[in-house]
């Protein structure tokens, strides 16, 4: 049946690309079968993806539970399968340019941040962080001054987790029995990662290759835990997988629209919980622990730093569409995103990792898509902001569902 074919295809592709299967907690017989099969030729896997898409279009049976075979579920599965087909085609040697890869995998087109937008953001920061020398050096020194003592990091992580969990439970509800734990890791291309283990449990890894900053810590916990990845995974496990038996949700696959919406809602997490009070709420907690946290400056410069954060999408475009050498892209990130050399190099490391090369779009475009959807007062169903966000962490949606 189609759902079983979809899960099998994802597991087989995951044997070619480490990290492609972000999470799997479905039937053990599927993963065991994939594990014991020899590595399958990518061209064969591409043909299987084409057959899967054809079956979806033809109305073939999704699974044995006909009562949950909806048009929306079929649309979701097709969008996911197009992403898997694109991955299989690239593995088999097909030439797919970067812009097409992003569109096919994630369901949106990447966009560059204009020079005018960058200049406007830098102008705001020039006015806020006055002083001698180049702005990027002043910004870098300012950022690094908020490094959290590694020995105190576990304590502040747990404090933030408790604050965000309570707020998430109050607004959206959480499944009974959900839980997570943190671990500190090194040698990774990302800053944080949610390993969803199934049974409502997550392990959240925080990368300490670079100093962890108090200014980004609350966003990181909201993103990976509450109301971000852990919240979405656990709610969907209870409702979609366990109650409705939609087993396709038991596998989470990189290179699909599922990721774009997940990263977008996770990046929006702190904002939906606290709105304009997010910085003051976090500041109160940090002050109690004696952690420096510049809430006023963060609030004043939020939009400017958001713009400069999008410059990572320009860097991916430069690397993969235009073929600009890595060292030049590092320099452009230092100049346009005002990153230190080490943080610019870390960003390029992520953008050139085989698993994550096109993934930056999930953050940049996913976040904006989610924010527009949640804050749209003219939404056709007249849902509240909280109701729209609840849809994102509870239902099967594709990017086109939000772009209305």
Protein backbone atom coordinates (compact mmCIF):
# COMPACT_ATOMS: atom_id res chain seq x y z
CA UNK A 1 0.00 0.00 0.00
CA UNK A 2 1.10 3.58 -0.62
CA UNK A 3 1.95 4.57 2.95
CA UNK A 4 4.06 1.47 3.44
CA UNK A 5 5.80 2.17 0.10
CA UNK A 6 6.47 5.76 1.20
CA UNK A 7 8.01 4.72 4.52
CA UNK A 8 10.11 2.04 2.83
CA UNK A 9 11.36 4.51 0.21
CA UNK A 10 12.36 7.01 2.88
CA UNK A 11 14.22 4.38 4.88
CA UNK A 12 16.07 3.12 1.79
CA UNK A 13 17.13 6.63 0.78
CA UNK A 14 18.28 7.20 4.34
CA UNK A 15 20.84 4.44 3.90
CA UNK A 16 22.46 6.56 1.15
CA UNK A 17 22.36 9.90 3.02
CA UNK A 18 23.14 9.94 6.77
CA UNK A 19 20.60 12.13 8.55
CA UNK A 20 17.97 12.01 5.81
CA UNK A 21 15.74 10.06 8.20
CA UNK A 22 15.47 12.63 10.95
CA UNK A 23 13.18 10.42 13.03
CA UNK A 24 11.39 7.10 12.71
CA UNK A 25 9.23 5.44 15.33
CA UNK A 26 6.90 3.42 13.11
CA UNK A 27 6.50 -0.36 12.80
CA UNK A 28 9.76 -2.16 13.52
CA UNK A 29 9.27 -4.59 10.66
CA UNK A 30 9.65 -1.75 8.13
CA UNK A 31 12.98 -0.55 9.53
CA UNK A 32 14.25 -4.10 10.03
CA UNK A 33 13.43 -5.01 6.43
CA UNK A 34 15.26 -1.93 5.16
CA UNK A 35 18.24 -2.62 7.40
CA UNK A 36 18.68 -6.17 6.09
CA UNK A 37 18.32 -5.33 2.42
CA UNK A 38 21.44 -4.51 0.40
CA UNK A 39 21.92 -0.88 -0.67
CA UNK A 40 19.48 -0.26 -3.53
CA UNK A 41 20.46 1.57 -6.71
CA UNK A 42 19.30 5.22 -6.64
CA UNK A 43 17.84 4.89 -10.15
CA UNK A 44 15.68 2.04 -8.90
CA UNK A 45 14.62 4.18 -5.93
CA UNK A 46 13.75 7.05 -8.29
CA UNK A 47 11.54 4.67 -10.28
CA UNK A 48 9.87 3.58 -7.05
CA UNK A 49 9.21 7.22 -6.18
CA UNK A 50 7.63 7.78 -9.60
CA UNK A 51 5.42 4.72 -9.10
CA UNK A 52 4.44 6.01 -5.67
CA UNK A 53 3.41 9.38 -7.07
CA UNK A 54 1.48 7.71 -9.90
CA UNK A 55 -0.35 5.55 -7.36
CA UNK A 56 -1.28 8.59 -5.29
CA UNK A 57 -2.65 10.33 -8.38
CA UNK A 58 -4.53 7.19 -9.48
CA UNK A 59 -6.30 6.90 -6.14
CA UNK A 60 -4.62 3.68 -5.05
CA UNK A 61 -5.30 2.64 -1.48
CA UNK A 62 -3.18 4.51 1.06
CA UNK A 63 -3.54 1.89 3.79
CA UNK A 64 -6.11 -0.41 5.33
CA UNK A 65 -7.89 2.43 7.13
CA UNK A 66 -10.12 3.78 4.37
CA UNK A 67 -11.89 6.10 6.76
CA UNK A 68 -8.81 8.35 7.05
CA UNK A 69 -8.07 8.46 3.31
CA UNK A 70 -8.72 12.16 2.71
CA UNK A 71 -7.78 14.40 -0.18
CA UNK A 72 -5.60 16.47 2.14
CA UNK A 73 -3.70 13.41 3.29
CA UNK A 74 -3.11 12.42 -0.34
CA UNK A 75 -1.86 15.92 -1.23
CA UNK A 76 0.55 15.79 1.70
CA UNK A 77 1.89 12.39 0.71
CA UNK A 78 2.39 13.49 -2.90
CA UNK A 79 4.33 16.62 -1.89
CA UNK A 80 6.54 14.48 0.34
CA UNK A 81 7.09 11.91 -2.40
CA UNK A 82 8.13 14.59 -4.91
CA UNK A 83 10.84 15.59 -2.45
CA UNK A 84 12.02 11.99 -2.17
CA UNK A 85 12.00 11.60 -5.95
CA UNK A 86 14.23 14.68 -6.22
CA UNK A 87 16.68 13.23 -3.70
CA UNK A 88 16.75 9.90 -5.54
CA UNK A 89 17.30 11.63 -8.88
CA UNK A 90 20.23 13.61 -7.52
CA UNK A 91 21.74 10.44 -6.06
CA UNK A 92 21.41 8.73 -9.43
CA UNK A 93 23.35 11.52 -11.15
CA UNK A 94 20.57 13.68 -12.60
CA UNK A 95 21.55 17.33 -12.98
CA UNK A 96 19.15 19.44 -10.93
CA UNK A 97 20.07 23.06 -10.33
CA UNK A 98 19.87 24.40 -6.80
CA UNK A 99 16.78 26.57 -7.30
CA UNK A 100 14.84 23.65 -8.78
CA UNK A 101 16.07 21.36 -6.01
CA UNK A 102 14.72 23.67 -3.33
CA UNK A 103 11.36 24.09 -5.08
CA UNK A 104 10.90 20.36 -5.65
CA UNK A 105 12.05 19.30 -2.19
CA UNK A 106 10.48 21.97 -0.03
CA UNK A 107 7.59 23.39 -2.06
CA UNK A 108 8.79 27.01 -2.12
CA UNK A 109 11.22 29.03 -4.18
CA UNK A 110 14.33 30.44 -2.46
CA UNK A 111 14.76 34.20 -2.53
CA UNK A 112 17.76 36.44 -2.17
CA UNK A 113 17.91 39.27 0.33
CA UNK A 114 18.47 42.50 -1.59
CA UNK A 115 21.39 44.82 -1.04
CA UNK A 116 18.92 47.53 -0.04
CA UNK A 117 17.44 45.37 2.72
CA UNK A 118 20.90 44.48 4.00
CA UNK A 119 22.02 48.12 3.95
CA UNK A 120 18.89 49.23 5.82
CA UNK A 121 19.43 46.61 8.53
CA UNK A 122 23.10 47.50 8.88
CA UNK A 123 22.11 51.15 9.15
CA UNK A 124 19.86 50.38 12.13
CA UNK A 125 22.66 48.48 13.83
CA UNK A 126 25.15 51.28 13.16
CA UNK A 127 22.91 53.61 15.09
CA UNK A 128 22.43 51.16 17.96
CA UNK A 129 26.00 49.93 18.36
CA UNK A 130 28.09 53.04 17.96
CA UNK A 131 31.81 53.02 18.50
CA UNK A 132 35.22 52.88 16.81
CA UNK A 133 36.20 50.32 14.19
CA UNK A 134 34.16 48.28 11.73
CA UNK A 135 30.60 47.43 12.71
CA UNK A 136 31.06 43.68 12.18
CA UNK A 137 33.82 43.63 14.78
CA UNK A 138 31.74 45.62 17.23
CA UNK A 139 28.75 43.33 16.68
CA UNK A 140 30.91 40.22 17.00
CA UNK A 141 32.42 41.42 20.28
CA UNK A 142 28.96 42.37 21.54
CA UNK A 143 27.53 38.95 20.68
CA UNK A 144 30.38 37.01 22.24
CA UNK A 145 30.11 39.01 25.47
CA UNK A 146 26.91 37.06 26.18
CA UNK A 147 28.55 33.63 26.11
CA UNK A 148 27.12 31.38 28.83
CA UNK A 149 29.53 29.64 31.18
CA UNK A 150 29.44 25.97 30.06
CA UNK A 151 29.09 24.81 33.65
CA UNK A 152 25.92 26.87 34.03
CA UNK A 153 24.45 25.88 30.69
CA UNK A 154 22.50 22.77 31.86
CA UNK A 155 20.82 24.76 34.63
CA UNK A 156 19.67 27.60 32.39
CA UNK A 157 18.51 25.12 29.74
CA UNK A 158 16.28 23.42 32.29
CA UNK A 159 14.96 26.77 33.54
CA UNK A 160 14.05 27.87 30.04
CA UNK A 161 12.54 24.49 29.28
CA UNK A 162 10.27 24.74 32.31
CA UNK A 163 9.17 28.28 31.43
CA UNK A 164 8.41 27.44 27.79
CA UNK A 165 6.80 24.11 28.60
CA UNK A 166 4.37 25.71 31.07
CA UNK A 167 3.41 28.40 28.56
CA UNK A 168 2.98 25.86 25.75
CA UNK A 169 0.85 23.59 27.92
CA UNK A 170 -1.36 26.49 28.96
CA UNK A 171 -1.97 27.77 25.41
CA UNK A 172 -1.90 24.62 23.26
CA UNK A 173 -1.90 21.62 25.57
CA UNK A 174 0.67 18.84 25.70
CA UNK A 175 0.21 15.07 25.60
CA UNK A 176 0.31 13.36 28.97
CA UNK A 177 3.63 11.62 29.49
CA UNK A 178 5.72 13.67 27.03
CA UNK A 179 9.28 14.36 28.16
CA UNK A 180 12.69 15.36 26.91
CA UNK A 181 16.28 15.62 28.03
CA UNK A 182 19.20 17.81 26.97
CA UNK A 183 22.73 16.82 26.09
CA UNK A 184 25.74 18.95 25.17
CA UNK A 185 27.61 17.78 22.06
CA UNK A 186 30.46 18.89 19.80
CA UNK A 187 31.54 18.30 16.22
CA UNK A 188 28.19 19.04 14.56
CA UNK A 189 27.32 21.50 11.74
CA UNK A 190 24.18 22.74 13.53
CA UNK A 191 23.61 24.67 16.78
CA UNK A 192 20.84 22.44 18.13
CA UNK A 193 19.01 19.27 17.14
CA UNK A 194 15.90 17.42 18.28
CA UNK A 195 16.23 13.64 18.19
CA UNK A 196 12.64 12.49 18.45
CA UNK A 197 12.66 8.97 19.87
CA UNK A 198 8.97 8.12 19.75
CA UNK A 199 6.77 7.30 22.74
CA UNK A 200 6.53 11.08 23.33
CA UNK A 201 10.23 11.41 24.13
CA UNK A 202 12.96 13.63 22.68
CA UNK A 203 16.66 14.10 23.21
CA UNK A 204 17.68 17.69 22.46
CA UNK A 205 21.35 18.17 21.62
CA UNK A 206 23.01 21.58 22.03
CA UNK A 207 26.27 22.04 20.10
CA UNK A 208 29.05 23.76 22.04
CA UNK A 209 31.63 23.96 19.22
CA UNK A 210 31.15 27.71 19.51
CA UNK A 211 30.23 29.54 22.72
CA UNK A 212 26.49 29.29 23.41
CA UNK A 213 25.04 32.78 23.76
CA UNK A 214 22.34 33.84 26.21
CA UNK A 215 20.86 35.98 23.43
CA UNK A 216 19.94 32.91 21.35
CA UNK A 217 19.31 30.33 24.05
CA UNK A 218 15.58 30.90 24.59
CA UNK A 219 14.96 30.79 20.85
CA UNK A 220 16.94 27.56 20.65
CA UNK A 221 14.92 25.87 23.42
CA UNK A 222 11.62 27.10 21.95
CA UNK A 223 12.70 25.84 18.54
CA UNK A 224 13.82 22.36 19.59
CA UNK A 225 11.38 21.75 22.45
CA UNK A 226 8.37 23.94 23.34
CA UNK A 227 6.39 24.78 21.26
CA UNK A 228 8.68 23.63 18.43
CA UNK A 229 9.89 20.22 17.29
CA UNK A 230 9.21 18.16 20.42
CA UNK A 231 5.73 19.63 20.77
CA UNK A 232 4.84 19.03 17.12
CA UNK A 233 6.23 15.48 17.09
CA UNK A 234 4.55 14.42 20.34
CA UNK A 235 1.15 15.90 19.46
CA UNK A 236 1.19 14.29 16.02
CA UNK A 237 2.29 10.96 17.45
CA UNK A 238 -0.71 10.91 19.77
CA UNK A 239 -3.34 12.19 17.33
CA UNK A 240 -2.22 11.33 13.79
CA UNK A 241 -0.19 8.16 14.35
CA UNK A 242 -1.78 6.51 17.39
CA UNK A 243 -5.39 7.68 17.09
CA UNK A 244 -5.84 7.97 13.31
CA UNK A 245 -3.25 5.35 12.34
CA UNK A 246 -1.61 7.66 9.77
CA UNK A 247 1.74 5.89 9.88
CA UNK A 248 3.34 8.19 7.30
CA UNK A 249 3.74 10.68 10.16
CA UNK A 250 5.95 8.22 12.04
CA UNK A 251 8.85 9.06 9.72
CA UNK A 252 10.36 12.55 9.43
CA UNK A 253 12.42 13.06 6.27
CA UNK A 254 14.88 15.78 5.28
CA UNK A 255 14.34 17.08 1.75
CA UNK A 256 10.55 17.32 2.05
CA UNK A 257 7.96 20.08 2.73
CA UNK A 258 7.41 18.51 6.16
CA UNK A 259 10.73 20.07 7.18
CA UNK A 260 9.95 23.54 5.89
CA UNK A 261 6.80 23.84 7.99
CA UNK A 262 8.45 22.22 11.01
CA UNK A 263 11.40 24.64 10.97
CA UNK A 264 9.16 27.61 10.26
CA UNK A 265 6.85 26.96 13.20
CA UNK A 266 9.79 26.14 15.47
CA UNK A 267 11.49 29.43 14.62
CA UNK A 268 8.19 31.20 15.35
CA UNK A 269 7.84 29.44 18.70
CA UNK A 270 9.06 32.13 21.07
CA UNK A 271 6.98 34.78 19.30
CA UNK A 272 3.72 32.82 19.48
CA UNK A 273 4.22 32.10 23.18
CA UNK A 274 5.04 35.62 24.38
CA UNK A 275 4.53 38.05 21.49
CA UNK A 276 6.08 41.44 22.15
CA UNK A 277 6.91 40.38 25.72
CA UNK A 278 9.30 37.61 24.69
CA UNK A 279 12.46 39.51 25.60
CA UNK A 280 11.21 40.76 28.97
CA UNK A 281 9.97 37.27 29.91
CA UNK A 282 13.33 35.71 29.10
CA UNK A 283 15.18 38.57 30.78
CA UNK A 284 13.37 37.95 34.08
CA UNK A 285 14.52 34.36 34.08
CA UNK A 286 18.10 35.23 33.11
CA UNK A 287 18.39 37.89 35.79
CA UNK A 288 17.40 35.37 38.47
CA UNK A 289 20.31 33.19 37.35
CA UNK A 290 22.78 36.07 37.07
CA UNK A 291 23.05 35.71 33.26
CA UNK A 292 23.60 38.80 31.12
CA UNK A 293 20.74 39.27 28.67
CA UNK A 294 20.26 42.57 26.76
CA UNK A 295 16.48 42.53 26.39
CA UNK A 296 16.13 46.18 25.34
CA UNK A 297 18.77 46.00 22.62
CA UNK A 298 17.34 42.71 21.33
CA UNK A 299 13.87 44.21 21.08
CA UNK A 300 15.15 47.33 19.27
CA UNK A 301 17.25 45.37 16.77
CA UNK A 302 15.02 42.31 16.26
CA UNK A 303 13.94 43.18 12.71
CA UNK A 304 17.46 44.14 11.64
CA UNK A 305 18.98 40.89 12.90
CA UNK A 306 16.17 38.91 11.29
CA UNK A 307 17.07 40.47 7.95
CA UNK A 308 20.74 39.68 8.37
CA UNK A 309 19.85 36.12 9.36
CA UNK A 310 18.29 35.67 5.93
CA UNK A 311 21.66 36.38 4.31
CA UNK A 312 22.43 32.69 4.85
CA UNK A 313 20.01 32.03 1.98
CA UNK A 314 22.15 34.27 -0.23
CA UNK A 315 25.18 32.25 0.82
CA UNK A 316 23.52 28.96 -0.18
CA UNK A 317 22.51 30.48 -3.53
CA UNK A 318 26.09 31.68 -4.08
CA UNK A 319 27.56 28.28 -3.23
CA UNK A 320 25.19 25.97 -5.05
CA UNK A 321 23.62 28.01 -7.85
CA UNK A 322 26.45 30.33 -8.81
CA UNK A 323 29.42 28.17 -7.79
CA UNK A 324 31.17 30.84 -5.74
CA UNK A 325 34.09 29.38 -3.73
CA UNK A 326 33.57 28.74 -0.03
CA UNK A 327 36.22 31.19 1.15
CA UNK A 328 34.52 34.01 -0.74
CA UNK A 329 31.13 33.08 0.73
CA UNK A 330 32.66 33.16 4.21
CA UNK A 331 33.82 36.71 3.51
CA UNK A 332 30.38 37.74 2.25
CA UNK A 333 28.77 36.40 5.44
CA UNK A 334 31.24 38.38 7.52
CA UNK A 335 30.42 41.50 5.54
CA UNK A 336 26.64 41.17 4.99
CA UNK A 337 25.52 39.09 7.99
CA UNK A 338 28.06 40.71 10.34
CA UNK A 339 29.28 37.31 11.51
CA UNK A 340 32.64 36.59 13.06
CA UNK A 341 35.00 34.50 10.97
CA UNK A 342 34.35 31.40 13.09
CA UNK A 343 30.58 31.76 12.92
CA UNK A 344 30.69 32.46 9.17
CA UNK A 345 32.80 29.35 8.66
CA UNK A 346 30.37 27.33 10.79
CA UNK A 347 27.49 28.58 8.67
CA UNK A 348 29.26 27.53 5.45
CA UNK A 349 30.03 24.15 7.02
CA UNK A 350 26.27 23.64 7.44
CA UNK A 351 25.48 24.89 3.93
CA UNK A 352 27.98 22.52 2.32
CA UNK A 353 27.04 19.43 4.33
CA UNK A 354 25.53 16.89 1.86
CA UNK A 355 22.45 16.42 4.02
CA UNK A 356 21.80 20.10 4.73
CA UNK A 357 22.94 21.94 1.56
CA UNK A 358 19.45 23.12 0.61
CA UNK A 359 17.99 23.14 4.12
CA UNK A 360 18.51 26.82 4.94
CA UNK A 361 15.36 27.60 2.96
CA UNK A 362 13.36 25.77 5.62
CA UNK A 363 14.37 28.41 8.16
CA UNK A 364 14.31 31.52 5.99
CA UNK A 365 11.19 30.87 3.89
CA UNK A 366 9.50 28.56 6.39
CA UNK A 367 9.60 31.15 9.16
CA UNK A 368 8.15 33.91 7.00
CA UNK A 369 5.44 31.61 5.63
CA UNK A 370 4.41 30.58 9.14
CA UNK A 371 4.47 34.13 10.50
CA UNK A 372 2.32 35.41 7.63
CA UNK A 373 -0.12 32.53 8.06
CA UNK A 374 -0.47 32.90 11.83
CA UNK A 375 -0.72 36.69 11.79
CA UNK A 376 -3.06 36.96 8.79
CA UNK A 377 -6.22 38.70 10.08
CA UNK A 378 -8.02 37.91 6.82
CA UNK A 379 -7.58 34.15 7.08
CA UNK A 380 -10.59 32.62 5.29
CA UNK A 381 -11.64 30.57 8.34
CA UNK A 382 -11.31 33.51 10.75
CA UNK A 383 -9.20 31.49 13.14
CA UNK A 384 -7.31 33.13 15.97
CA UNK A 385 -3.52 33.27 15.92
CA UNK A 386 -3.34 30.47 18.46
CA UNK A 387 -5.80 28.33 16.49
CA UNK A 388 -3.72 28.75 13.32
CA UNK A 389 -0.52 27.78 15.12
CA UNK A 390 -2.33 24.81 16.67
CA UNK A 391 -3.15 23.63 13.16
CA UNK A 392 0.54 23.68 12.31
CA UNK A 393 1.54 21.49 15.27
CA UNK A 394 -1.44 19.16 14.89
CA UNK A 395 -2.38 18.63 11.24
CA UNK A 396 -0.90 17.54 7.92
CA UNK A 397 -0.31 20.70 5.88
CA UNK A 398 1.84 21.63 2.90
CA UNK A 399 3.33 25.07 2.13
CA UNK A 400 0.60 25.86 -0.40
CA UNK A 401 -2.00 25.58 2.41
CA UNK A 402 -0.38 28.52 4.19
CA UNK A 403 0.20 30.74 1.17
CA UNK A 404 -3.38 31.98 0.93
